[in-house]
C-alpha cells in the first residue's frame, strides 16, 4: 500500500476551514426572555378564592371535631332524599 503524504495535509486544511465556517454559523441571535403578566381581575379572583377556602377549612375542622367527639349525627332520611333527587328529579 502506498500512501501519499503530500495530499493528506490538504484534507486537514479543508476540514479546519469547514470547522471555522460552522462555528460562525452556530452563533444565535439573542432571544427575548419569556414574561408572565397576571391581570388585576385574575388577582381579585385569587383573593376571593382564598377567602372562600378559609371559610371552608373552618367548616371542615368543626365537622372533624364533631366526628371525633361522637356528636355528629347522620340523618339517613335526608341522605336518601338527596340521592333520590339527584337521580330521579331532574
C-alpha atoms as a PDB file:
ATOM      1  CA  UNK A   1       0.000   0.000   0.000  1.00  0.00           C
ATOM      2  CA  UNK A   2       1.379   3.344  -0.986  1.00  0.00           C
ATOM      3  CA  UNK A   3       0.313   6.455   0.982  1.00  0.00           C
ATOM      4  CA  UNK A   4       0.975   9.854  -0.470  1.00  0.00           C
ATOM      5  CA  UNK A   5       1.675  12.250   2.423  1.00  0.00           C
ATOM      6  CA  UNK A   6       1.560  15.407   0.375  1.00  0.00           C
ATOM      7  CA  UNK A   7      -2.217  15.276  -0.202  1.00  0.00           C
ATOM      8  CA  UNK A   8      -3.189  14.454   3.392  1.00  0.00           C
ATOM      9  CA  UNK A   9      -2.352  17.966   4.593  1.00  0.00           C
ATOM     10  CA  UNK A  10      -4.838  19.434   2.129  1.00  0.00           C
ATOM     11  CA  UNK A  11      -7.601  17.277   3.681  1.00  0.00           C
ATOM     12  CA  UNK A  12      -6.731  18.561   7.145  1.00  0.00           C
ATOM     13  CA  UNK A  13      -6.685  22.153   5.981  1.00  0.00           C
ATOM     14  CA  UNK A  14     -10.067  21.832   4.266  1.00  0.00           C
ATOM     15  CA  UNK A  15     -11.501  20.263   7.442  1.00  0.00           C
ATOM     16  CA  UNK A  16     -10.158  23.112   9.563  1.00  0.00           C
ATOM     17  CA  UNK A  17     -11.672  25.670   7.175  1.00  0.00           C
ATOM     18  CA  UNK A  18     -15.011  23.906   7.356  1.00  0.00           C
ATOM     19  CA  UNK A  19     -14.961  23.905  11.174  1.00  0.00           C
ATOM     20  CA  UNK A  20     -14.239  27.646  11.226  1.00  0.00           C
ATOM     21  CA  UNK A  21     -17.199  28.335   8.965  1.00  0.00           C
ATOM     22  CA  UNK A  22     -19.603  26.207  11.014  1.00  0.00           C
ATOM     23  CA  UNK A  23     -18.552  27.847  14.262  1.00  0.00           C
ATOM     24  CA  UNK A  24     -19.540  31.224  12.880  1.00  0.00           C
ATOM     25  CA  UNK A  25     -22.847  29.781  11.682  1.00  0.00           C
ATOM     26  CA  UNK A  26     -23.664  28.378  15.137  1.00  0.00           C
ATOM     27  CA  UNK A  27     -23.901  31.753  16.822  1.00  0.00           C
ATOM     28  CA  UNK A  28     -27.519  32.526  17.604  1.00  0.00           C
ATOM     29  CA  UNK A  29     -29.136  35.920  17.878  1.00  0.00           C
ATOM     30  CA  UNK A  30     -30.176  36.977  21.355  1.00  0.00           C
ATOM     31  CA  UNK A  31     -33.635  35.779  22.271  1.00  0.00           C
ATOM     32  CA  UNK A  32     -36.131  37.639  24.386  1.00  0.00           C
ATOM     33  CA  UNK A  33     -36.965  36.153  27.760  1.00  0.00           C
ATOM     34  CA  UNK A  34     -40.480  34.897  28.444  1.00  0.00           C
ATOM     35  CA  UNK A  35     -42.664  37.126  30.559  1.00  0.00           C
ATOM     36  CA  UNK A  36     -45.801  36.423  32.551  1.00  0.00           C
ATOM     37  CA  UNK A  37     -48.399  39.056  33.311  1.00  0.00           C
ATOM     38  CA  UNK A  38     -51.369  38.399  35.587  1.00  0.00           C
ATOM     39  CA  UNK A  39     -54.344  40.678  35.156  1.00  0.00           C
ATOM     40  CA  UNK A  40     -55.942  42.533  38.046  1.00  0.00           C
ATOM     41  CA  UNK A  41     -59.147  40.558  37.532  1.00  0.00           C
ATOM     42  CA  UNK A  42     -57.267  37.273  37.963  1.00  0.00           C
ATOM     43  CA  UNK A  43     -55.636  38.600  41.134  1.00  0.00           C
ATOM     44  CA  UNK A  44     -59.051  39.560  42.547  1.00  0.00           C
ATOM     45  CA  UNK A  45     -60.434  36.098  41.754  1.00  0.00           C
ATOM     46  CA  UNK A  46     -57.480  34.503  43.520  1.00  0.00           C
ATOM     47  CA  UNK A  47     -58.037  36.634  46.634  1.00  0.00           C
ATOM     48  CA  UNK A  48     -61.757  35.791  46.703  1.00  0.00           C
ATOM     49  CA  UNK A  49     -60.949  32.122  46.298  1.00  0.00           C
ATOM     50  CA  UNK A  50     -58.567  32.159  49.270  1.00  0.00           C
ATOM     51  CA  UNK A  51     -61.265  33.774  51.445  1.00  0.00           C
ATOM     52  CA  UNK A  52     -63.717  31.045  50.451  1.00  0.00           C
ATOM     53  CA  UNK A  53     -61.089  28.390  51.192  1.00  0.00           C
ATOM     54  CA  UNK A  54     -60.610  29.787  54.710  1.00  0.00           C
ATOM     55  CA  UNK A  55     -64.360  29.581  55.356  1.00  0.00           C
ATOM     56  CA  UNK A  56     -64.452  26.046  54.003  1.00  0.00           C
ATOM     57  CA  UNK A  57     -61.494  24.974  56.146  1.00  0.00           C
ATOM     58  CA  UNK A  58     -63.328  26.300  59.206  1.00  0.00           C
ATOM     59  CA  UNK A  59     -66.400  24.212  58.400  1.00  0.00           C
ATOM     60  CA  UNK A  60     -64.266  21.141  57.771  1.00  0.00           C
ATOM     61  CA  UNK A  61     -62.442  21.495  61.083  1.00  0.00           C
ATOM     62  CA  UNK A  62     -65.732  21.802  63.015  1.00  0.00           C
ATOM     63  CA  UNK A  63     -67.096  18.693  61.274  1.00  0.00           C
ATOM     64  CA  UNK A  64     -63.912  16.769  62.081  1.00  0.00           C
ATOM     65  CA  UNK A  65     -64.171  17.793  65.726  1.00  0.00           C
ATOM     66  CA  UNK A  66     -67.830  16.685  65.865  1.00  0.00           C
ATOM     67  CA  UNK A  67     -66.984  13.313  64.286  1.00  0.00           C
ATOM     68  CA  UNK A  68     -64.079  12.699  66.671  1.00  0.00           C
ATOM     69  CA  UNK A  69     -66.139  13.600  69.711  1.00  0.00           C
ATOM     70  CA  UNK A  70     -69.109  11.473  68.551  1.00  0.00           C
ATOM     71  CA  UNK A  71     -71.545  14.413  68.363  1.00  0.00           C
ATOM     72  CA  UNK A  72     -72.068  14.238  64.598  1.00  0.00           C
ATOM     73  CA  UNK A  73     -75.434  12.719  63.678  1.00  0.00           C
ATOM     74  CA  UNK A  74     -76.146  11.172  60.273  1.00  0.00           C
ATOM     75  CA  UNK A  75     -79.726  11.612  59.071  1.00  0.00           C
ATOM     76  CA  UNK A  76     -80.309   8.688  56.731  1.00  0.00           C
ATOM     77  CA  UNK A  77     -83.686  10.074  55.532  1.00  0.00           C
ATOM     78  CA  UNK A  78     -82.035  13.275  54.285  1.00  0.00           C
ATOM     79  CA  UNK A  79     -79.260  11.299  52.574  1.00  0.00           C
ATOM     80  CA  UNK A  80     -81.800   9.052  50.831  1.00  0.00           C
ATOM     81  CA  UNK A  81     -83.848  12.080  49.710  1.00  0.00           C
ATOM     82  CA  UNK A  82     -80.786  13.768  48.227  1.00  0.00           C
ATOM     83  CA  UNK A  83     -79.796  10.595  46.369  1.00  0.00           C
ATOM     84  CA  UNK A  84     -83.330  10.220  45.015  1.00  0.00           C
ATOM     85  CA  UNK A  85     -83.433  13.882  43.912  1.00  0.00           C
ATOM     86  CA  UNK A  86     -80.086  13.575  42.175  1.00  0.00           C
ATOM     87  CA  UNK A  87     -81.018  10.508  40.136  1.00  0.00           C
ATOM     88  CA  UNK A  88     -84.743  10.907  39.508  1.00  0.00           C
ATOM     89  CA  UNK A  89     -85.848  14.558  39.963  1.00  0.00           C
ATOM     90  CA  UNK A  90     -84.087  16.344  37.152  1.00  0.00           C
END
